[in-house]
């Protein structure tokens, strides 16, 4: 179980990602595009191109977690606006 705490950083990637990649693909995106360490305890959120699925990547101290939610109907409506870092920071609450 992934526990979201008030101290946890949550970064949402602005650009859609290729969901065919396994756990190493999103981890590499964290390092290269978002300039953030995937082993630092941050929760990263990625959206598919058609916004029908999202992936969460986080490190729990023992290993990386990669979780996916795919909608059977409809799409995720909200897409964050781009900034200089390629990610938007959200508050846990």
PDB file of N, CA and C in Angstrom:
ATOM      1  N   UNK A   1       0.837  -1.167   0.000  1.00  0.00           N
ATOM      2  CA  UNK A   1       0.000   0.000   0.000  1.00  0.00           C
ATOM      3  C   UNK A   1       0.888   1.238   0.000  1.00  0.00           C
ATOM      4  N   UNK A   2       0.564   2.193  -0.820  1.00  0.00           N
ATOM      5  CA  UNK A   2       1.298   3.449  -0.882  1.00  0.00           C
ATOM      6  C   UNK A   2       0.592   4.452   0.015  1.00  0.00           C
ATOM      7  N   UNK A   3       1.300   4.945   1.000  1.00  0.00           N
ATOM      8  CA  UNK A   3       0.720   5.922   1.915  1.00  0.00           C
ATOM      9  C   UNK A   3       1.184   7.322   1.519  1.00  0.00           C
ATOM     10  N   UNK A   4       0.244   8.212   1.298  1.00  0.00           N
ATOM     11  CA  UNK A   4       0.561   9.590   0.946  1.00  0.00           C
ATOM     12  C   UNK A   4       0.521  10.411   2.222  1.00  0.00           C
ATOM     13  N   UNK A   5       1.651  11.027   2.527  1.00  0.00           N
ATOM     14  CA  UNK A   5       1.783  11.831   3.740  1.00  0.00           C
ATOM     15  C   UNK A   5       1.798  13.305   3.376  1.00  0.00           C
ATOM     16  N   UNK A   6       1.543  14.197   4.328  1.00  0.00           N
ATOM     17  CA  UNK A   6       1.583  15.638   4.040  1.00  0.00           C
ATOM     18  C   UNK A   6       2.968  16.124   3.599  1.00  0.00           C
ATOM     19  N   UNK A   7       4.017  15.392   3.953  1.00  0.00           N
ATOM     20  CA  UNK A   7       5.371  15.800   3.588  1.00  0.00           C
ATOM     21  C   UNK A   7       5.792  15.292   2.210  1.00  0.00           C
ATOM     22  N   UNK A   8       5.023  14.402   1.620  1.00  0.00           N
ATOM     23  CA  UNK A   8       5.400  13.782   0.349  1.00  0.00           C
ATOM     24  C   UNK A   8       5.291  14.768  -0.809  1.00  0.00           C
ATOM     25  N   UNK A   9       6.283  14.750  -1.674  1.00  0.00           N
ATOM     26  CA  UNK A   9       6.231  15.537  -2.904  1.00  0.00           C
ATOM     27  C   UNK A   9       5.498  14.728  -3.964  1.00  0.00           C
ATOM     28  N   UNK A  10       4.625  15.382  -4.707  1.00  0.00           N
ATOM     29  CA  UNK A  10       3.900  14.748  -5.801  1.00  0.00           C
ATOM     30  C   UNK A  10       4.167  15.568  -7.051  1.00  0.00           C
ATOM     31  N   UNK A  11       4.753  14.926  -8.065  1.00  0.00           N
ATOM     32  CA  UNK A  11       5.027  15.596  -9.332  1.00  0.00           C
ATOM     33  C   UNK A  11       4.203  14.944 -10.430  1.00  0.00           C
ATOM     34  N   UNK A  12       3.500  15.760 -11.197  1.00  0.00           N
ATOM     35  CA  UNK A  12       2.681  15.287 -12.307  1.00  0.00           C
ATOM     36  C   UNK A  12       3.372  15.688 -13.601  1.00  0.00           C
ATOM     37  N   UNK A  13       3.714  14.700 -14.423  1.00  0.00           N
ATOM     38  CA  UNK A  13       4.346  14.981 -15.712  1.00  0.00           C
ATOM     39  C   UNK A  13       3.343  15.673 -16.626  1.00  0.00           C
ATOM     40  N   UNK A  14       3.795  16.696 -17.310  1.00  0.00           N
ATOM     41  CA  UNK A  14       2.917  17.492 -18.174  1.00  0.00           C
ATOM     42  C   UNK A  14       2.698  16.808 -19.515  1.00  0.00           C
ATOM     43  N   UNK A  15       3.741  16.247 -20.085  1.00  0.00           N
ATOM     44  CA  UNK A  15       3.648  15.596 -21.390  1.00  0.00           C
ATOM     45  C   UNK A  15       3.228  14.137 -21.219  1.00  0.00           C
ATOM     46  N   UNK A  16       2.445  13.601 -22.157  1.00  0.00           N
ATOM     47  CA  UNK A  16       2.075  12.183 -22.083  1.00  0.00           C
ATOM     48  C   UNK A  16       3.292  11.287 -22.296  1.00  0.00           C
ATOM     49  N   UNK A  17       3.229  10.074 -21.742  1.00  0.00           N
ATOM     50  CA  UNK A  17       4.348   9.139 -21.862  1.00  0.00           C
ATOM     51  C   UNK A  17       3.883   7.855 -22.542  1.00  0.00           C
ATOM     52  N   UNK A  18       4.846   7.091 -23.036  1.00  0.00           N
ATOM     53  CA  UNK A  18       4.596   5.809 -23.677  1.00  0.00           C
ATOM     54  C   UNK A  18       4.394   4.753 -22.596  1.00  0.00           C
ATOM     55  N   UNK A  19       3.202   4.187 -22.500  1.00  0.00           N
ATOM     56  CA  UNK A  19       2.884   3.234 -21.443  1.00  0.00           C
ATOM     57  C   UNK A  19       3.341   1.814 -21.767  1.00  0.00           C
ATOM     58  N   UNK A  20       3.958   1.605 -22.914  1.00  0.00           N
ATOM     59  CA  UNK A  20       4.470   0.280 -23.241  1.00  0.00           C
ATOM     60  C   UNK A  20       5.752  -0.029 -22.480  1.00  0.00           C
ATOM     61  N   UNK A  21       6.381   0.994 -21.925  1.00  0.00           N
ATOM     62  CA  UNK A  21       7.615   0.796 -21.176  1.00  0.00           C
ATOM     63  C   UNK A  21       7.307   0.246 -19.792  1.00  0.00           C
ATOM     64  N   UNK A  22       8.220  -0.547 -19.262  1.00  0.00           N
ATOM     65  CA  UNK A  22       8.053  -1.094 -17.922  1.00  0.00           C
ATOM     66  C   UNK A  22       8.470  -0.082 -16.872  1.00  0.00           C
ATOM     67  N   UNK A  23       8.945  -0.553 -15.767  1.00  0.00           N
ATOM     68  CA  UNK A  23       9.299   0.310 -14.642  1.00  0.00           C
ATOM     69  C   UNK A  23      10.534   1.164 -14.933  1.00  0.00           C
ATOM     70  N   UNK A  24      11.421   0.677 -15.792  1.00  0.00           N
ATOM     71  CA  UNK A  24      12.642   1.428 -16.092  1.00  0.00           C
ATOM     72  C   UNK A  24      12.383   2.662 -16.956  1.00  0.00           C
ATOM     73  N   UNK A  25      11.342   2.624 -17.787  1.00  0.00           N
ATOM     74  CA  UNK A  25      11.014   3.775 -18.628  1.00  0.00           C
ATOM     75  C   UNK A  25      10.607   5.000 -17.828  1.00  0.00           C
ATOM     76  N   UNK A  26       9.604   4.889 -16.947  1.00  0.00           N
ATOM     77  CA  UNK A  26       9.236   6.042 -16.122  1.00  0.00           C
ATOM     78  C   UNK A  26      10.371   6.486 -15.179  1.00  0.00           C
ATOM     79  N   UNK A  27      11.159   5.539 -14.672  1.00  0.00           N
ATOM     80  CA  UNK A  27      12.280   5.911 -13.803  1.00  0.00           C
ATOM     81  C   UNK A  27      13.306   6.733 -14.576  1.00  0.00           C
ATOM     82  N   UNK A  28      13.563   6.365 -15.821  1.00  0.00           N
ATOM     83  CA  UNK A  28      14.488   7.136 -16.657  1.00  0.00           C
ATOM     84  C   UNK A  28      13.925   8.518 -16.965  1.00  0.00           C
ATOM     85  N   UNK A  29      12.612   8.614 -17.194  1.00  0.00           N
ATOM     86  CA  UNK A  29      11.993   9.921 -17.425  1.00  0.00           C
ATOM     87  C   UNK A  29      12.143  10.828 -16.206  1.00  0.00           C
ATOM     88  N   UNK A  30      12.032  10.249 -15.027  1.00  0.00           N
ATOM     89  CA  UNK A  30      12.207  11.040 -13.801  1.00  0.00           C
ATOM     90  C   UNK A  30      13.604  11.645 -13.760  1.00  0.00           C
ATOM     91  N   UNK A  31      14.596  10.839 -14.094  1.00  0.00           N
ATOM     92  CA  UNK A  31      15.980  11.314 -14.042  1.00  0.00           C
ATOM     93  C   UNK A  31      16.293  12.313 -15.154  1.00  0.00           C
ATOM     94  N   UNK A  32      15.924  11.975 -16.382  1.00  0.00           N
ATOM     95  CA  UNK A  32      16.347  12.764 -17.534  1.00  0.00           C
ATOM     96  C   UNK A  32      15.476  13.989 -17.786  1.00  0.00           C
ATOM     97  N   UNK A  33      14.179  13.815 -17.802  1.00  0.00           N
ATOM     98  CA  UNK A  33      13.273  14.908 -18.176  1.00  0.00           C
ATOM     99  C   UNK A  33      12.897  15.770 -16.972  1.00  0.00           C
ATOM    100  N   UNK A  34      12.552  15.122 -15.874  1.00  0.00           N
ATOM    101  CA  UNK A  34      12.096  15.860 -14.700  1.00  0.00           C
ATOM    102  C   UNK A  34      13.233  16.268 -13.775  1.00  0.00           C
ATOM    103  N   UNK A  35      14.459  15.784 -14.043  1.00  0.00           N
ATOM    104  CA  UNK A  35      15.648  16.091 -13.229  1.00  0.00           C
ATOM    105  C   UNK A  35      15.389  15.825 -11.745  1.00  0.00           C
ATOM    106  N   UNK A  36      14.810  14.664 -11.465  1.00  0.00           N
ATOM    107  CA  UNK A  36      14.480  14.289 -10.099  1.00  0.00           C
ATOM    108  C   UNK A  36      14.842  12.821  -9.887  1.00  0.00           C
ATOM    109  N   UNK A  37      15.245  12.485  -8.679  1.00  0.00           N
ATOM    110  CA  UNK A  37      15.645  11.124  -8.358  1.00  0.00           C
ATOM    111  C   UNK A  37      14.414  10.274  -8.036  1.00  0.00           C
ATOM    112  N   UNK A  38      14.162   9.190  -8.793  1.00  0.00           N
ATOM    113  CA  UNK A  38      12.996   8.364  -8.503  1.00  0.00           C
ATOM    114  C   UNK A  38      13.118   7.612  -7.178  1.00  0.00           C
ATOM    115  N   UNK A  39      14.308   7.551  -6.599  1.00  0.00           N
ATOM    116  CA  UNK A  39      14.515   6.866  -5.326  1.00  0.00           C
ATOM    117  C   UNK A  39      14.425   7.823  -4.140  1.00  0.00           C
ATOM    118  N   UNK A  40      13.960   9.040  -4.370  1.00  0.00           N
ATOM    119  CA  UNK A  40      13.908  10.050  -3.323  1.00  0.00           C
ATOM    120  C   UNK A  40      12.604  10.102  -2.544  1.00  0.00           C
ATOM    121  N   UNK A  41      11.646   9.239  -2.840  1.00  0.00           N
ATOM    122  CA  UNK A  41      10.389   9.236  -2.106  1.00  0.00           C
ATOM    123  C   UNK A  41       9.298  10.088  -2.717  1.00  0.00           C
ATOM    124  N   UNK A  42       9.566  10.722  -3.841  1.00  0.00           N
ATOM    125  CA  UNK A  42       8.557  11.516  -4.537  1.00  0.00           C
ATOM    126  C   UNK A  42       7.575  10.589  -5.250  1.00  0.00           C
ATOM    127  N   UNK A  43       6.315  10.975  -5.302  1.00  0.00           N
ATOM    128  CA  UNK A  43       5.311  10.244  -6.067  1.00  0.00           C
ATOM    129  C   UNK A  43       5.193  10.926  -7.429  1.00  0.00           C
ATOM    130  N   UNK A  44       5.494  10.183  -8.482  1.00  0.00           N
ATOM    131  CA  UNK A  44       5.427  10.700  -9.847  1.00  0.00           C
ATOM    132  C   UNK A  44       4.163  10.184 -10.508  1.00  0.00           C
ATOM    133  N   UNK A  45       3.469  11.057 -11.226  1.00  0.00           N
ATOM    134  CA  UNK A  45       2.227  10.709 -11.907  1.00  0.00           C
ATOM    135  C   UNK A  45       2.416  10.961 -13.398  1.00  0.00           C
ATOM    136  N   UNK A  46       2.125   9.943 -14.197  1.00  0.00           N
ATOM    137  CA  UNK A  46       2.245  10.027 -15.648  1.00  0.00           C
ATOM    138  C   UNK A  46       0.902   9.705 -16.279  1.00  0.00           C
ATOM    139  N   UNK A  47       0.608  10.355 -17.392  1.00  0.00           N
ATOM    140  CA  UNK A  47      -0.649  10.132 -18.097  1.00  0.00           C
ATOM    141  C   UNK A  47      -0.345   9.605 -19.500  1.00  0.00           C
ATOM    142  N   UNK A  48      -1.238   8.742 -20.003  1.00  0.00           N
ATOM    143  CA  UNK A  48      -1.063   8.217 -21.352  1.00  0.00           C
ATOM    144  C   UNK A  48      -1.466   9.283 -22.378  1.00  0.00           C
ATOM    145  N   UNK A  49      -1.108   9.026 -23.603  1.00  0.00           N
ATOM    146  CA  UNK A  49      -1.362   9.997 -24.673  1.00  0.00           C
ATOM    147  C   UNK A  49      -2.849  10.315 -24.834  1.00  0.00           C
ATOM    148  N   UNK A  50      -3.683   9.289 -24.739  1.00  0.00           N
ATOM    149  CA  UNK A  50      -5.117   9.487 -24.937  1.00  0.00           C
ATOM    150  C   UNK A  50      -5.858   9.753 -23.636  1.00  0.00           C
ATOM    151  N   UNK A  51      -5.117   9.883 -22.532  1.00  0.00           N
ATOM    152  CA  UNK A  51      -5.655  10.206 -21.200  1.00  0.00           C
ATOM    153  C   UNK A  51      -6.673   9.175 -20.697  1.00  0.00           C
ATOM    154  N   UNK A  52      -6.505   7.925 -21.111  1.00  0.00           N
ATOM    155  CA  UNK A  52      -7.382   6.882 -20.588  1.00  0.00           C
ATOM    156  C   UNK A  52      -6.711   6.088 -19.464  1.00  0.00           C
ATOM    157  N   UNK A  53      -5.435   6.376 -19.192  1.00  0.00           N
ATOM    158  CA  UNK A  53      -4.717   5.657 -18.141  1.00  0.00           C
ATOM    159  C   UNK A  53      -3.697   6.584 -17.487  1.00  0.00           C
ATOM    160  N   UNK A  54      -3.413   6.300 -16.210  1.00  0.00           N
ATOM    161  CA  UNK A  54      -2.353   7.014 -15.495  1.00  0.00           C
ATOM    162  C   UNK A  54      -1.481   5.984 -14.785  1.00  0.00           C
ATOM    163  N   UNK A  55      -0.221   6.342 -14.586  1.00  0.00           N
ATOM    164  CA  UNK A  55       0.727   5.508 -13.851  1.00  0.00           C
ATOM    165  C   UNK A  55       1.328   6.326 -12.723  1.00  0.00           C
ATOM    166  N   UNK A  56       1.562   5.643 -11.605  1.00  0.00           N
ATOM    167  CA  UNK A  56       2.193   6.241 -10.443  1.00  0.00           C
ATOM    168  C   UNK A  56       3.498   5.506 -10.189  1.00  0.00           C
ATOM    169  N   UNK A  57       4.563   6.246  -9.941  1.00  0.00           N
ATOM    170  CA  UNK A  57       5.854   5.667  -9.622  1.00  0.00           C
ATOM    171  C   UNK A  57       6.345   6.271  -8.322  1.00  0.00           C
ATOM    172  N   UNK A  58       6.738   5.425  -7.381  1.00  0.00           N
ATOM    173  CA  UNK A  58       7.283   5.914  -6.118  1.00  0.00           C
ATOM    174  C   UNK A  58       8.222   4.869  -5.539  1.00  0.00           C
ATOM    175  N   UNK A  59       9.053   5.292  -4.609  1.00  0.00           N
ATOM    176  CA  UNK A  59      10.002   4.413  -3.924  1.00  0.00           C
ATOM    177  C   UNK A  59       9.615   4.349  -2.461  1.00  0.00           C
ATOM    178  N   UNK A  60       9.512   3.138  -1.914  1.00  0.00           N
ATOM    179  CA  UNK A  60       9.063   2.971  -0.530  1.00  0.00           C
ATOM    180  C   UNK A  60      10.191   2.641   0.443  1.00  0.00           C
ATOM    181  N   UNK A  61      11.426   2.732   0.009  1.00  0.00           N
ATOM    182  CA  UNK A  61      12.555   2.409   0.873  1.00  0.00           C
ATOM    183  C   UNK A  61      13.138   1.038   0.586  1.00  0.00           C
ATOM    184  N   UNK A  62      12.359   0.166  -0.053  1.00  0.00           N
ATOM    185  CA  UNK A  62      12.828  -1.171  -0.400  1.00  0.00           C
ATOM    186  C   UNK A  62      12.869  -1.397  -1.901  1.00  0.00           C
ATOM    187  N   UNK A  63      12.051  -0.681  -2.633  1.00  0.00           N
ATOM    188  CA  UNK A  63      11.992  -0.845  -4.080  1.00  0.00           C
ATOM    189  C   UNK A  63      11.001   0.122  -4.693  1.00  0.00           C
ATOM    190  N   UNK A  64      11.000   0.140  -6.021  1.00  0.00           N
ATOM    191  CA  UNK A  64      10.090   1.026  -6.749  1.00  0.00           C
ATOM    192  C   UNK A  64       8.723   0.366  -6.894  1.00  0.00           C
ATOM    193  N   UNK A  65       7.683   1.174  -6.748  1.00  0.00           N
ATOM    194  CA  UNK A  65       6.299   0.773  -7.000  1.00  0.00           C
ATOM    195  C   UNK A  65       5.861   1.416  -8.304  1.00  0.00           C
ATOM    196  N   UNK A  66       5.244   0.650  -9.180  1.00  0.00           N
ATOM    197  CA  UNK A  66       4.645   1.177 -10.392  1.00  0.00           C
ATOM    198  C   UNK A  66       3.196   0.708 -10.416  1.00  0.00           C
ATOM    199  N   UNK A  67       2.272   1.656 -10.295  1.00  0.00           N
ATOM    200  CA  UNK A  67       0.841   1.352 -10.273  1.00  0.00           C
ATOM    201  C   UNK A  67       0.179   1.994 -11.479  1.00  0.00           C
ATOM    202  N   UNK A  68      -0.811   1.323 -12.043  1.00  0.00           N
ATOM    203  CA  UNK A  68      -1.517   1.852 -13.202  1.00  0.00           C
ATOM    204  C   UNK A  68      -3.010   1.782 -12.973  1.00  0.00           C
ATOM    205  N   UNK A  69      -3.703   2.827 -13.418  1.00  0.00           N
ATOM    206  CA  UNK A  69      -5.174   2.868 -13.407  1.00  0.00           C
ATOM    207  C   UNK A  69      -5.616   3.147 -14.837  1.00  0.00           C
ATOM    208  N   UNK A  70      -6.431   2.241 -15.391  1.00  0.00           N
ATOM    209  CA  UNK A  70      -6.955   2.431 -16.748  1.00  0.00           C
ATOM    210  C   UNK A  70      -8.465   2.494 -16.677  1.00  0.00           C
ATOM    211  N   UNK A  71      -9.023   3.532 -17.270  1.00  0.00           N
ATOM    212  CA  UNK A  71     -10.476   3.706 -17.283  1.00  0.00           C
ATOM    213  C   UNK A  71     -11.093   2.815 -18.357  1.00  0.00           C
ATOM    214  N   UNK A  72     -12.222   2.183 -18.029  1.00  0.00           N
ATOM    215  CA  UNK A  72     -12.919   1.363 -19.016  1.00  0.00           C
ATOM    216  C   UNK A  72     -13.750   2.238 -19.956  1.00  0.00           C
ATOM    217  N   UNK A  73     -14.149   3.416 -19.457  1.00  0.00           N
ATOM    218  CA  UNK A  73     -14.873   4.377 -20.288  1.00  0.00           C
ATOM    219  C   UNK A  73     -14.402   5.771 -19.927  1.00  0.00           C
ATOM    220  N   UNK A  74     -14.398   6.664 -20.905  1.00  0.00           N
ATOM    221  CA  UNK A  74     -14.049   8.052 -20.650  1.00  0.00           C
ATOM    222  C   UNK A  74     -12.550   8.297 -20.568  1.00  0.00           C
ATOM    223  N   UNK A  75     -12.222   9.509 -20.158  1.00  0.00           N
ATOM    224  CA  UNK A  75     -10.831   9.938 -20.074  1.00  0.00           C
ATOM    225  C   UNK A  75     -10.629  10.775 -18.821  1.00  0.00           C
ATOM    226  N   UNK A  76      -9.385  10.855 -18.383  1.00  0.00           N
ATOM    227  CA  UNK A  76      -9.044  11.789 -17.326  1.00  0.00           C
ATOM    228  C   UNK A  76      -9.094  13.188 -17.930  1.00  0.00           C
ATOM    229  N   UNK A  77      -9.826  14.082 -17.308  1.00  0.00           N
ATOM    230  CA  UNK A  77     -10.093  15.387 -17.892  1.00  0.00           C
ATOM    231  C   UNK A  77      -8.974  16.399 -17.699  1.00  0.00           C
ATOM    232  N   UNK A  78      -8.358  16.379 -16.550  1.00  0.00           N
ATOM    233  CA  UNK A  78      -7.400  17.438 -16.220  1.00  0.00           C
ATOM    234  C   UNK A  78      -6.015  17.126 -16.757  1.00  0.00           C
ATOM    235  N   UNK A  79      -5.444  18.072 -17.458  1.00  0.00           N
ATOM    236  CA  UNK A  79      -4.048  17.972 -17.873  1.00  0.00           C
ATOM    237  C   UNK A  79      -3.361  19.242 -17.403  1.00  0.00           C
ATOM    238  N   UNK A  80      -2.312  19.129 -16.572  1.00  0.00           N
ATOM    239  CA  UNK A  80      -1.641  20.316 -16.044  1.00  0.00           C
ATOM    240  C   UNK A  80      -0.927  21.103 -17.136  1.00  0.00           C
ATOM    241  N   UNK A  81      -0.740  22.379 -16.875  1.00  0.00           N
ATOM    242  CA  UNK A  81      -0.051  23.256 -17.811  1.00  0.00           C
ATOM    243  C   UNK A  81       1.452  23.122 -17.650  1.00  0.00           C
ATOM    244  N   UNK A  82       2.178  23.251 -18.740  1.00  0.00           N
ATOM    245  CA  UNK A  82       3.633  23.091 -18.745  1.00  0.00           C
ATOM    246  C   UNK A  82       4.316  24.246 -18.028  1.00  0.00           C
ATOM    247  N   UNK A  83       5.430  23.933 -17.396  1.00  0.00           N
ATOM    248  CA  UNK A  83       6.326  24.951 -16.861  1.00  0.00           C
ATOM    249  C   UNK A  83       7.741  24.579 -17.276  1.00  0.00           C
ATOM    250  N   UNK A  84       8.725  25.239 -16.739  1.00  0.00           N
ATOM    251  CA  UNK A  84      10.110  25.046 -17.165  1.00  0.00           C
ATOM    252  C   UNK A  84      10.643  23.653 -16.837  1.00  0.00           C
ATOM    253  N   UNK A  85      10.129  23.006 -15.797  1.00  0.00           N
ATOM    254  CA  UNK A  85      10.674  21.717 -15.380  1.00  0.00           C
ATOM    255  C   UNK A  85      10.005  20.533 -16.061  1.00  0.00           C
ATOM    256  N   UNK A  86       8.877  20.718 -16.700  1.00  0.00           N
ATOM    257  CA  UNK A  86       8.173  19.619 -17.328  1.00  0.00           C
ATOM    258  C   UNK A  86       7.261  18.874 -16.383  1.00  0.00           C
ATOM    259  N   UNK A  87       7.094  19.410 -15.164  1.00  0.00           N
ATOM    260  CA  UNK A  87       6.228  18.777 -14.174  1.00  0.00           C
ATOM    261  C   UNK A  87       5.530  19.832 -13.357  1.00  0.00           C
ATOM    262  N   UNK A  88       4.441  19.437 -12.734  1.00  0.00           N
ATOM    263  CA  UNK A  88       3.686  20.313 -11.831  1.00  0.00           C
ATOM    264  C   UNK A  88       3.706  19.667 -10.465  1.00  0.00           C
ATOM    265  N   UNK A  89       3.954  20.457  -9.437  1.00  0.00           N
ATOM    266  CA  UNK A  89       3.970  19.930  -8.081  1.00  0.00           C
ATOM    267  C   UNK A  89       2.586  20.092  -7.463  1.00  0.00           C
ATOM    268  N   UNK A  90       2.079  19.023  -6.860  1.00  0.00           N
ATOM    269  CA  UNK A  90       0.786  19.034  -6.205  1.00  0.00           C
ATOM    270  C   UNK A  90       0.969  18.903  -4.702  1.00  0.00           C
ATOM    271  N   UNK A  91       0.012  19.419  -3.953  1.00  0.00           N
ATOM    272  CA  UNK A  91      -0.015  19.239  -2.505  1.00  0.00           C
ATOM    273  C   UNK A  91      -0.735  17.926  -2.198  1.00  0.00           C
ATOM    274  N   UNK A  92      -0.274  17.159  -1.194  1.00  0.00           N
ATOM    275  CA  UNK A  92      -0.900  15.871  -0.892  1.00  0.00           C
ATOM    276  C   UNK A  92      -2.364  15.961  -0.474  1.00  0.00           C
ATOM    277  N   UNK A  93      -2.784  17.040   0.112  1.00  0.00           N
ATOM    278  CA  UNK A  93      -4.171  17.118   0.554  1.00  0.00           C
ATOM    279  C   UNK A  93      -5.077  17.426  -0.599  1.00  0.00           C
TER     280      UNK A  93
END
